[in-house]
Amino acid sequence: MRIATYNVNSIRIRLHCLDQLVQEAKPDVICLQETKVTDDAFPFDHAAELGYPHVAVRGEKSYNGVAILSRHPFEAEERWDWWGQSDSRHLKVQFPDAFELHCFYVPSGGPDPDPEKNPKFAHKLGFLDEMTAWARDAQASGRKIAILGDFNVAPLETDVWNHKKIKRQVGHTPLESEKMATLLDAGGFVDVGRHFVPPEELLFTWWGYRHPQSFQKNYGWRLDHFWVTQPLAAHLQRHQVLSQARAWERPSDHVPVLVDLE
């Protein structure tokens, strides 16, 4: 099974990117973030035409939104709220007799890394804390679990293009990196990206819009993640960042991450 996670940054604007992802990578499951549409406005027909008749969505007009598109049937679709907010940032499905899959869109946190002054950053930290509490219980259960999506944190020095310059920016602060390490440990997760790419090597999934040459100059961050619990880690086969997607026509600032499971 090939699974893709992709912050599409508005599904209606970037249907052509979804088409190209399917054409180039042929994933069995596609997890999307920032779909930015209500549930009734999601392009279900287009997904079916691409070969994905099984779709779970949790939408929101103009903001947030997550979706899971699958060639294979799933069950036990669930939507969870985090940190007392009802924004559309999580979906869970269960593949029968296989594993449970969680698609996350963690809050970006706003511009100021001070939770006392910036409610958006407090939201982000609280969200990660609640994920950690859940992950601790999940690890104790021994279940096969995959969590993936836009976590909006680049935790390692090699997850950004210039650690010294960026270390005080939201998304790469020491506090956020510590929260991610705690979450990883609490769930007993394997960081699939770093399972295949050594931590001393650069690894990016996002190149911002602010600087037109960001992709050409490789001013990247690794914000998109794919983690699995130990019982599922034995099934890992391959990891790929589809970096060429940043050069597609009218691209998202994120690119798809692909993981193959046996």
C-alpha atoms as a PDB file:
ATOM      1  CA  MET A   1       0.000   0.000   0.000  1.00  0.00           C
ATOM      2  CA  ARG A   2       1.363   3.399  -0.992  1.00  0.00           C
ATOM      3  CA  ILE A   3       0.139   6.293   1.157  1.00  0.00           C
ATOM      4  CA  ALA A   4       0.600   9.973   0.324  1.00  0.00           C
ATOM      5  CA  THR A   5       0.237  12.941   2.641  1.00  0.00           C
ATOM      6  CA  TYR A   6      -0.145  16.329   0.972  1.00  0.00           C
ATOM      7  CA  ASN A   7      -1.037  19.796   2.201  1.00  0.00           C
ATOM      8  CA  VAL A   8      -2.806  20.814  -0.976  1.00  0.00           C
ATOM      9  CA  ASN A   9      -3.540  24.411   0.119  1.00  0.00           C
ATOM     10  CA  SER A  10      -7.092  24.514  -1.318  1.00  0.00           C
ATOM     11  CA  ILE A  11      -8.330  21.432  -3.120  1.00  0.00           C
ATOM     12  CA  ARG A  12     -10.506  23.325  -5.596  1.00  0.00           C
ATOM     13  CA  ILE A  13      -7.607  25.509  -6.742  1.00  0.00           C
ATOM     14  CA  ARG A  14      -5.236  22.564  -7.000  1.00  0.00           C
ATOM     15  CA  LEU A  15      -7.252  19.724  -8.499  1.00  0.00           C
ATOM     16  CA  HIS A  16      -4.663  19.664 -11.277  1.00  0.00           C
ATOM     17  CA  CYS A  17      -1.987  18.940  -8.640  1.00  0.00           C
ATOM     18  CA  LEU A  18      -4.064  16.063  -7.302  1.00  0.00           C
ATOM     19  CA  ASP A  19      -4.331  14.741 -10.862  1.00  0.00           C
ATOM     20  CA  GLN A  20      -0.574  14.960 -11.311  1.00  0.00           C
ATOM     21  CA  LEU A  21       0.098  13.270  -7.971  1.00  0.00           C
ATOM     22  CA  VAL A  22      -2.081  10.333  -9.007  1.00  0.00           C
ATOM     23  CA  GLN A  23      -0.488  10.159 -12.440  1.00  0.00           C
ATOM     24  CA  GLU A  24       3.119  10.255 -11.179  1.00  0.00           C
ATOM     25  CA  ALA A  25       2.944   8.325  -7.906  1.00  0.00           C
ATOM     26  CA  LYS A  26      -0.223   6.196  -8.080  1.00  0.00           C
ATOM     27  CA  PRO A  27      -0.867   6.151  -4.321  1.00  0.00           C
ATOM     28  CA  ASP A  28      -3.477   3.809  -2.859  1.00  0.00           C
ATOM     29  CA  VAL A  29      -4.400   6.333  -0.182  1.00  0.00           C
ATOM     30  CA  ILE A  30      -4.107  10.131  -0.257  1.00  0.00           C
ATOM     31  CA  CYS A  31      -4.353  12.188   2.933  1.00  0.00           C
ATOM     32  CA  LEU A  32      -4.939  15.888   2.331  1.00  0.00           C
ATOM     33  CA  GLN A  33      -4.642  18.922   4.573  1.00  0.00           C
ATOM     34  CA  GLU A  34      -5.882  22.493   4.107  1.00  0.00           C
ATOM     35  CA  THR A  35      -8.632  21.442   1.738  1.00  0.00           C
ATOM     36  CA  LYS A  36     -10.477  24.697   2.586  1.00  0.00           C
ATOM     37  CA  VAL A  37     -13.933  23.485   1.561  1.00  0.00           C
ATOM     38  CA  THR A  38     -17.054  22.418   3.414  1.00  0.00           C
ATOM     39  CA  ASP A  39     -17.966  18.745   3.254  1.00  0.00           C
ATOM     40  CA  ASP A  40     -20.704  19.220   0.660  1.00  0.00           C
ATOM     41  CA  ALA A  41     -18.339  21.168  -1.620  1.00  0.00           C
ATOM     42  CA  PHE A  42     -15.611  18.530  -1.695  1.00  0.00           C
ATOM     43  CA  PRO A  43     -14.982  17.148  -5.229  1.00  0.00           C
ATOM     44  CA  PHE A  44     -16.144  13.578  -4.526  1.00  0.00           C
ATOM     45  CA  ASP A  45     -16.928  12.904  -8.185  1.00  0.00           C
ATOM     46  CA  HIS A  46     -13.457  13.952  -9.260  1.00  0.00           C
ATOM     47  CA  ALA A  47     -11.908  11.690  -6.618  1.00  0.00           C
ATOM     48  CA  ALA A  48     -14.002   8.764  -7.855  1.00  0.00           C
ATOM     49  CA  GLU A  49     -12.952   9.425 -11.450  1.00  0.00           C
ATOM     50  CA  LEU A  50      -9.325   9.259 -10.323  1.00  0.00           C
ATOM     51  CA  GLY A  51      -9.987   5.859  -8.756  1.00  0.00           C
ATOM     52  CA  TYR A  52     -10.723   6.809  -5.149  1.00  0.00           C
ATOM     53  CA  PRO A  53     -14.337   5.868  -4.387  1.00  0.00           C
ATOM     54  CA  HIS A  54     -13.808   5.787  -0.611  1.00  0.00           C
ATOM     55  CA  VAL A  55     -13.514   9.291   0.824  1.00  0.00           C
ATOM     56  CA  ALA A  56     -13.656  10.696   4.339  1.00  0.00           C
ATOM     57  CA  VAL A  57     -13.770  14.466   4.723  1.00  0.00           C
ATOM     58  CA  ARG A  58     -13.882  17.018   7.476  1.00  0.00           C
ATOM     59  CA  GLY A  59     -14.167  20.406   5.878  1.00  0.00           C
ATOM     60  CA  GLU A  60     -14.366  24.055   6.730  1.00  0.00           C
ATOM     61  CA  LYS A  61     -15.001  27.020   4.455  1.00  0.00           C
ATOM     62  CA  SER A  62     -11.810  28.864   3.470  1.00  0.00           C
ATOM     63  CA  TYR A  63      -9.725  27.391   6.313  1.00  0.00           C
ATOM     64  CA  ASN A  64      -8.203  24.126   7.517  1.00  0.00           C
ATOM     65  CA  GLY A  65      -9.896  20.913   6.351  1.00  0.00           C
ATOM     66  CA  VAL A  66      -8.638  17.333   6.061  1.00  0.00           C
ATOM     67  CA  ALA A  67      -9.593  14.436   3.797  1.00  0.00           C
ATOM     68  CA  ILE A  68      -8.653  10.802   3.211  1.00  0.00           C
ATOM     69  CA  LEU A  69      -9.079   9.341  -0.294  1.00  0.00           C
ATOM     70  CA  SER A  70      -8.685   5.597  -0.724  1.00  0.00           C
ATOM     71  CA  ARG A  71      -8.871   2.932  -3.385  1.00  0.00           C
ATOM     72  CA  HIS A  72      -9.644   0.443  -0.605  1.00  0.00           C
ATOM     73  CA  PRO A  73     -12.652   0.446   1.728  1.00  0.00           C
ATOM     74  CA  PHE A  74     -12.166   1.606   5.283  1.00  0.00           C
ATOM     75  CA  GLU A  75     -14.328   1.674   8.367  1.00  0.00           C
ATOM     76  CA  ALA A  76     -14.703   3.441  11.715  1.00  0.00           C
ATOM     77  CA  GLU A  77     -14.362   6.975  10.395  1.00  0.00           C
ATOM     78  CA  GLU A  78     -13.925   9.357  13.346  1.00  0.00           C
ATOM     79  CA  ARG A  79     -13.429  13.086  13.848  1.00  0.00           C
ATOM     80  CA  TRP A  80     -11.797  14.300  17.037  1.00  0.00           C
ATOM     81  CA  ASP A  81     -11.586  17.835  18.409  1.00  0.00           C
ATOM     82  CA  TRP A  82      -8.339  18.968  20.019  1.00  0.00           C
ATOM     83  CA  TRP A  83      -7.691  21.611  22.670  1.00  0.00           C
ATOM     84  CA  GLY A  84     -11.383  22.415  22.893  1.00  0.00           C
ATOM     85  CA  GLN A  85     -11.564  23.661  19.310  1.00  0.00           C
ATOM     86  CA  SER A  86     -13.938  22.426  16.623  1.00  0.00           C
ATOM     87  CA  ASP A  87     -11.738  23.412  13.676  1.00  0.00           C
ATOM     88  CA  SER A  88     -11.255  20.727  11.049  1.00  0.00           C
ATOM     89  CA  ARG A  89      -7.802  19.342  11.811  1.00  0.00           C
ATOM     90  CA  HIS A  90      -8.162  15.582  12.300  1.00  0.00           C
ATOM     91  CA  LEU A  91      -9.626  12.487  10.672  1.00  0.00           C
ATOM     92  CA  LYS A  92      -9.202   8.824  11.594  1.00  0.00           C
ATOM     93  CA  VAL A  93     -10.094   5.741   9.563  1.00  0.00           C
ATOM     94  CA  GLN A  94      -9.515   2.053  10.198  1.00  0.00           C
ATOM     95  CA  PHE A  95      -8.423  -0.315   7.457  1.00  0.00           C
ATOM     96  CA  PRO A  96      -9.964  -3.694   8.336  1.00  0.00           C
ATOM     97  CA  ASP A  97      -7.512  -6.168   9.849  1.00  0.00           C
ATOM     98  CA  ALA A  98      -4.637  -3.794   9.044  1.00  0.00           C
ATOM     99  CA  PHE A  99      -4.033  -0.481  10.852  1.00  0.00           C
ATOM    100  CA  GLU A 100      -5.620   2.810  11.859  1.00  0.00           C
ATOM    101  CA  LEU A 101      -4.702   5.966   9.983  1.00  0.00           C
ATOM    102  CA  HIS A 102      -4.820   9.481  11.434  1.00  0.00           C
ATOM    103  CA  CYS A 103      -4.595  12.566   9.211  1.00  0.00           C
ATOM    104  CA  PHE A 104      -3.576  15.726  11.126  1.00  0.00           C
ATOM    105  CA  TYR A 105      -3.281  19.397  10.357  1.00  0.00           C
ATOM    106  CA  VAL A 106      -1.553  20.918  13.390  1.00  0.00           C
ATOM    107  CA  PRO A 107      -2.055  24.687  13.904  1.00  0.00           C
ATOM    108  CA  SER A 108       0.672  26.847  12.402  1.00  0.00           C
ATOM    109  CA  GLY A 109       0.971  28.966  15.538  1.00  0.00           C
ATOM    110  CA  GLY A 110       1.044  32.494  14.170  1.00  0.00           C
ATOM    111  CA  PRO A 111       4.114  34.754  14.002  1.00  0.00           C
ATOM    112  CA  ASP A 112       5.076  35.186  17.683  1.00  0.00           C
ATOM    113  CA  PRO A 113       6.530  32.214  19.650  1.00  0.00           C
ATOM    114  CA  ASP A 114       5.139  33.489  22.949  1.00  0.00           C
ATOM    115  CA  PRO A 115       2.000  31.697  24.202  1.00  0.00           C
ATOM    116  CA  GLU A 116       1.266  34.522  26.652  1.00  0.00           C
ATOM    117  CA  LYS A 117       1.067  37.090  23.866  1.00  0.00           C
ATOM    118  CA  ASN A 118      -0.044  34.902  20.969  1.00  0.00           C
ATOM    119  CA  PRO A 119      -3.191  32.750  21.381  1.00  0.00           C
ATOM    120  CA  LYS A 120      -2.415  30.933  18.112  1.00  0.00           C
ATOM    121  CA  PHE A 121       0.896  29.715  19.489  1.00  0.00           C
ATOM    122  CA  ALA A 122      -0.794  28.653  22.736  1.00  0.00           C
ATOM    123  CA  HIS A 123      -3.299  26.701  20.610  1.00  0.00           C
ATOM    124  CA  LYS A 124      -0.469  24.946  18.783  1.00  0.00           C
ATOM    125  CA  LEU A 125       1.317  23.943  21.992  1.00  0.00           C
ATOM    126  CA  GLY A 126      -1.910  22.751  23.587  1.00  0.00           C
ATOM    127  CA  PHE A 127      -2.771  20.738  20.479  1.00  0.00           C
ATOM    128  CA  LEU A 128       0.612  18.973  20.588  1.00  0.00           C
ATOM    129  CA  ASP A 129       0.222  18.301  24.323  1.00  0.00           C
ATOM    130  CA  GLU A 130      -3.150  16.631  23.772  1.00  0.00           C
ATOM    131  CA  MET A 131      -1.720  14.577  20.905  1.00  0.00           C
ATOM    132  CA  THR A 132       1.009  13.436  23.294  1.00  0.00           C
ATOM    133  CA  ALA A 133      -1.461  12.325  25.962  1.00  0.00           C
ATOM    134  CA  TRP A 134      -3.426  10.377  23.351  1.00  0.00           C
ATOM    135  CA  ALA A 135      -0.235   8.847  21.896  1.00  0.00           C
ATOM    136  CA  ARG A 136       0.834   7.551  25.298  1.00  0.00           C
ATOM    137  CA  ASP A 137      -2.425   5.627  25.613  1.00  0.00           C
ATOM    138  CA  ALA A 138      -2.144   4.419  22.010  1.00  0.00           C
ATOM    139  CA  GLN A 139       1.336   3.028  22.593  1.00  0.00           C
ATOM    140  CA  ALA A 140       0.121   1.134  25.644  1.00  0.00           C
ATOM    141  CA  SER A 141      -2.545  -0.530  23.485  1.00  0.00           C
ATOM    142  CA  GLY A 142       0.018  -2.014  21.097  1.00  0.00           C
ATOM    143  CA  ARG A 143      -2.064  -1.079  18.045  1.00  0.00           C
ATOM    144  CA  LYS A 144      -0.778  -0.613  14.494  1.00  0.00           C
ATOM    145  CA  ILE A 145      -1.155   3.129  13.957  1.00  0.00           C
ATOM    146  CA  ALA A 146       0.040   5.631  11.367  1.00  0.00           C
ATOM    147  CA  ILE A 147      -0.204   9.370  12.010  1.00  0.00           C
ATOM    148  CA  LEU A 148       0.678  11.785   9.258  1.00  0.00           C
ATOM    149  CA  GLY A 149       0.073  15.224   7.855  1.00  0.00           C
ATOM    150  CA  ASP A 150       1.224  18.795   8.191  1.00  0.00           C
ATOM    151  CA  PHE A 151       2.525  19.011  11.767  1.00  0.00           C
ATOM    152  CA  ASN A 152       3.820  22.559  11.172  1.00  0.00           C
ATOM    153  CA  VAL A 153       7.058  21.850  13.043  1.00  0.00           C
ATOM    154  CA  ALA A 154      10.521  21.218  11.619  1.00  0.00           C
ATOM    155  CA  PRO A 155      12.063  19.627  14.725  1.00  0.00           C
ATOM    156  CA  LEU A 156      15.672  18.903  13.726  1.00  0.00           C
ATOM    157  CA  GLU A 157      18.448  21.308  12.729  1.00  0.00           C
ATOM    158  CA  THR A 158      18.602  19.528   9.367  1.00  0.00           C
ATOM    159  CA  ASP A 159      14.841  19.983   8.885  1.00  0.00           C
ATOM    160  CA  VAL A 160      15.434  23.632   7.922  1.00  0.00           C
ATOM    161  CA  TRP A 161      17.780  25.274   5.460  1.00  0.00           C
ATOM    162  CA  ASN A 162      19.474  27.516   8.060  1.00  0.00           C
ATOM    163  CA  HIS A 163      19.066  26.471  11.693  1.00  0.00           C
ATOM    164  CA  LYS A 164      20.956  29.435  13.190  1.00  0.00           C
ATOM    165  CA  LYS A 165      18.864  31.942  11.266  1.00  0.00           C
ATOM    166  CA  ILE A 166      15.515  30.215  11.826  1.00  0.00           C
ATOM    167  CA  LYS A 167      15.739  28.822  15.379  1.00  0.00           C
ATOM    168  CA  ARG A 168      13.672  31.656  16.862  1.00  0.00           C
ATOM    169  CA  GLN A 169      10.905  31.411  14.246  1.00  0.00           C
ATOM    170  CA  VAL A 170       7.608  29.639  14.902  1.00  0.00           C
ATOM    171  CA  GLY A 171       7.850  26.142  13.495  1.00  0.00           C
ATOM    172  CA  HIS A 172      11.470  25.612  14.547  1.00  0.00           C
ATOM    173  CA  THR A 173      11.761  26.927  18.091  1.00  0.00           C
ATOM    174  CA  PRO A 174      13.432  24.756  20.750  1.00  0.00           C
ATOM    175  CA  LEU A 175      10.099  24.481  22.589  1.00  0.00           C
ATOM    176  CA  GLU A 176       8.289  23.099  19.521  1.00  0.00           C
ATOM    177  CA  SER A 177      11.134  20.695  18.793  1.00  0.00           C
ATOM    178  CA  GLU A 178      10.935  19.485  22.396  1.00  0.00           C
ATOM    179  CA  LYS A 179       7.162  18.973  22.089  1.00  0.00           C
ATOM    180  CA  MET A 180       7.668  16.913  18.928  1.00  0.00           C
ATOM    181  CA  ALA A 181      10.333  14.759  20.576  1.00  0.00           C
ATOM    182  CA  THR A 182       8.015  14.157  23.531  1.00  0.00           C
ATOM    183  CA  LEU A 183       5.161  13.212  21.193  1.00  0.00           C
ATOM    184  CA  LEU A 184       7.401  10.850  19.230  1.00  0.00           C
ATOM    185  CA  ASP A 185       8.535   9.130  22.413  1.00  0.00           C
ATOM    186  CA  ALA A 186       5.086   9.011  23.999  1.00  0.00           C
ATOM    187  CA  GLY A 187       3.651   7.055  21.092  1.00  0.00           C
ATOM    188  CA  GLY A 188       6.713   4.904  20.565  1.00  0.00           C
ATOM    189  CA  PHE A 189       6.572   6.199  17.004  1.00  0.00           C
ATOM    190  CA  VAL A 190       9.083   5.736  14.225  1.00  0.00           C
ATOM    191  CA  ASP A 191       9.674   8.940  12.257  1.00  0.00           C
ATOM    192  CA  VAL A 192       9.527   7.374   8.799  1.00  0.00           C
ATOM    193  CA  GLY A 193      11.344  10.230   7.077  1.00  0.00           C
ATOM    194  CA  ARG A 194      14.323   9.888   9.384  1.00  0.00           C
ATOM    195  CA  HIS A 195      14.084   6.106   9.312  1.00  0.00           C
ATOM    196  CA  PHE A 196      15.092   6.283   5.648  1.00  0.00           C
ATOM    197  CA  VAL A 197      17.055   9.571   5.558  1.00  0.00           C
ATOM    198  CA  PRO A 198      19.745   9.934   8.265  1.00  0.00           C
ATOM    199  CA  PRO A 199      19.230  12.842  10.695  1.00  0.00           C
ATOM    200  CA  GLU A 200      22.481  14.494   9.600  1.00  0.00           C
ATOM    201  CA  GLU A 201      21.123  14.956   6.060  1.00  0.00           C
ATOM    202  CA  LEU A 202      18.838  17.790   4.955  1.00  0.00           C
ATOM    203  CA  LEU A 203      15.211  16.815   4.349  1.00  0.00           C
ATOM    204  CA  PHE A 204      12.503  19.315   3.316  1.00  0.00           C
ATOM    205  CA  THR A 205       8.818  19.157   2.341  1.00  0.00           C
ATOM    206  CA  TRP A 206       7.901  22.864   2.227  1.00  0.00           C
ATOM    207  CA  TRP A 207       9.263  25.853   0.339  1.00  0.00           C
ATOM    208  CA  GLY A 208       7.430  29.091   1.105  1.00  0.00           C
ATOM    209  CA  TYR A 209       5.769  31.524  -1.255  1.00  0.00           C
ATOM    210  CA  ARG A 210       7.308  34.618   0.339  1.00  0.00           C
ATOM    211  CA  HIS A 211      10.596  34.352  -1.574  1.00  0.00           C
ATOM    212  CA  PRO A 212      10.070  33.519  -5.269  1.00  0.00           C
ATOM    213  CA  GLN A 213      13.399  31.678  -5.448  1.00  0.00           C
ATOM    214  CA  SER A 214      12.878  29.625  -2.278  1.00  0.00           C
ATOM    215  CA  PHE A 215      12.585  26.313  -4.110  1.00  0.00           C
ATOM    216  CA  GLN A 216      15.389  27.013  -6.571  1.00  0.00           C
ATOM    217  CA  LYS A 217      17.705  28.009  -3.690  1.00  0.00           C
ATOM    218  CA  ASN A 218      16.411  25.152  -1.506  1.00  0.00           C
ATOM    219  CA  TYR A 219      15.227  27.369   1.353  1.00  0.00           C
ATOM    220  CA  GLY A 220      13.139  24.507   2.687  1.00  0.00           C
ATOM    221  CA  TRP A 221      11.578  23.175   5.889  1.00  0.00           C
ATOM    222  CA  ARG A 222      10.331  19.690   6.801  1.00  0.00           C
ATOM    223  CA  LEU A 223       6.815  20.356   8.090  1.00  0.00           C
ATOM    224  CA  ASP A 224       5.059  17.263   6.712  1.00  0.00           C
ATOM    225  CA  HIS A 225       5.537  14.051   8.641  1.00  0.00           C
ATOM    226  CA  PHE A 226       4.641  10.363   8.596  1.00  0.00           C
ATOM    227  CA  TRP A 227       5.021   8.388  11.835  1.00  0.00           C
ATOM    228  CA  VAL A 228       4.120   4.777  12.654  1.00  0.00           C
ATOM    229  CA  THR A 229       3.977   2.761  15.850  1.00  0.00           C
ATOM    230  CA  GLN A 230       6.478  -0.033  16.345  1.00  0.00           C
ATOM    231  CA  PRO A 231       4.048  -2.842  15.358  1.00  0.00           C
ATOM    232  CA  LEU A 232       3.575  -1.150  11.968  1.00  0.00           C
ATOM    233  CA  ALA A 233       7.232  -0.187  11.484  1.00  0.00           C
ATOM    234  CA  ALA A 234       8.144  -3.727  10.403  1.00  0.00           C
ATOM    235  CA  HIS A 235       6.015  -3.171   7.283  1.00  0.00           C
ATOM    236  CA  LEU A 236       7.915  -0.082   6.070  1.00  0.00           C
ATOM    237  CA  GLN A 237       9.375  -0.398   2.588  1.00  0.00           C
ATOM    238  CA  ARG A 238      10.041   3.037   1.103  1.00  0.00           C
ATOM    239  CA  HIS A 239       9.833   6.778   1.743  1.00  0.00           C
ATOM    240  CA  GLN A 240       9.888   9.497  -0.882  1.00  0.00           C
ATOM    241  CA  VAL A 241       9.448  13.265  -0.894  1.00  0.00           C
ATOM    242  CA  LEU A 242       7.952  14.250  -4.239  1.00  0.00           C
ATOM    243  CA  SER A 243       9.957  17.465  -4.333  1.00  0.00           C
ATOM    244  CA  GLN A 244       9.332  18.067  -8.043  1.00  0.00           C
ATOM    245  CA  ALA A 245       5.725  18.906  -7.130  1.00  0.00           C
ATOM    246  CA  ARG A 246       6.910  22.328  -5.923  1.00  0.00           C
ATOM    247  CA  ALA A 247       7.609  23.141  -9.586  1.00  0.00           C
ATOM    248  CA  TRP A 248       4.200  22.059 -10.876  1.00  0.00           C
ATOM    249  CA  GLU A 249       1.873  24.663 -12.349  1.00  0.00           C
ATOM    250  CA  ARG A 250       0.354  26.817  -9.561  1.00  0.00           C
ATOM    251  CA  PRO A 251       1.773  24.517  -6.873  1.00  0.00           C
ATOM    252  CA  SER A 252       1.104  24.263  -3.182  1.00  0.00           C
ATOM    253  CA  ASP A 253       3.961  25.437  -0.979  1.00  0.00           C
ATOM    254  CA  HIS A 254       4.052  21.861   0.399  1.00  0.00           C
ATOM    255  CA  VAL A 255       4.903  18.743  -1.612  1.00  0.00           C
ATOM    256  CA  PRO A 256       3.552  15.189  -1.209  1.00  0.00           C
ATOM    257  CA  VAL A 257       5.322  12.669   0.997  1.00  0.00           C
ATOM    258  CA  LEU A 258       4.952   9.016  -0.042  1.00  0.00           C
ATOM    259  CA  VAL A 259       5.375   5.934   2.123  1.00  0.00           C
ATOM    260  CA  ASP A 260       5.110   2.327   0.974  1.00  0.00           C
ATOM    261  CA  LEU A 261       3.913  -0.341   3.424  1.00  0.00           C
ATOM    262  CA  GLU A 262       4.176  -4.045   2.789  1.00  0.00           C
END
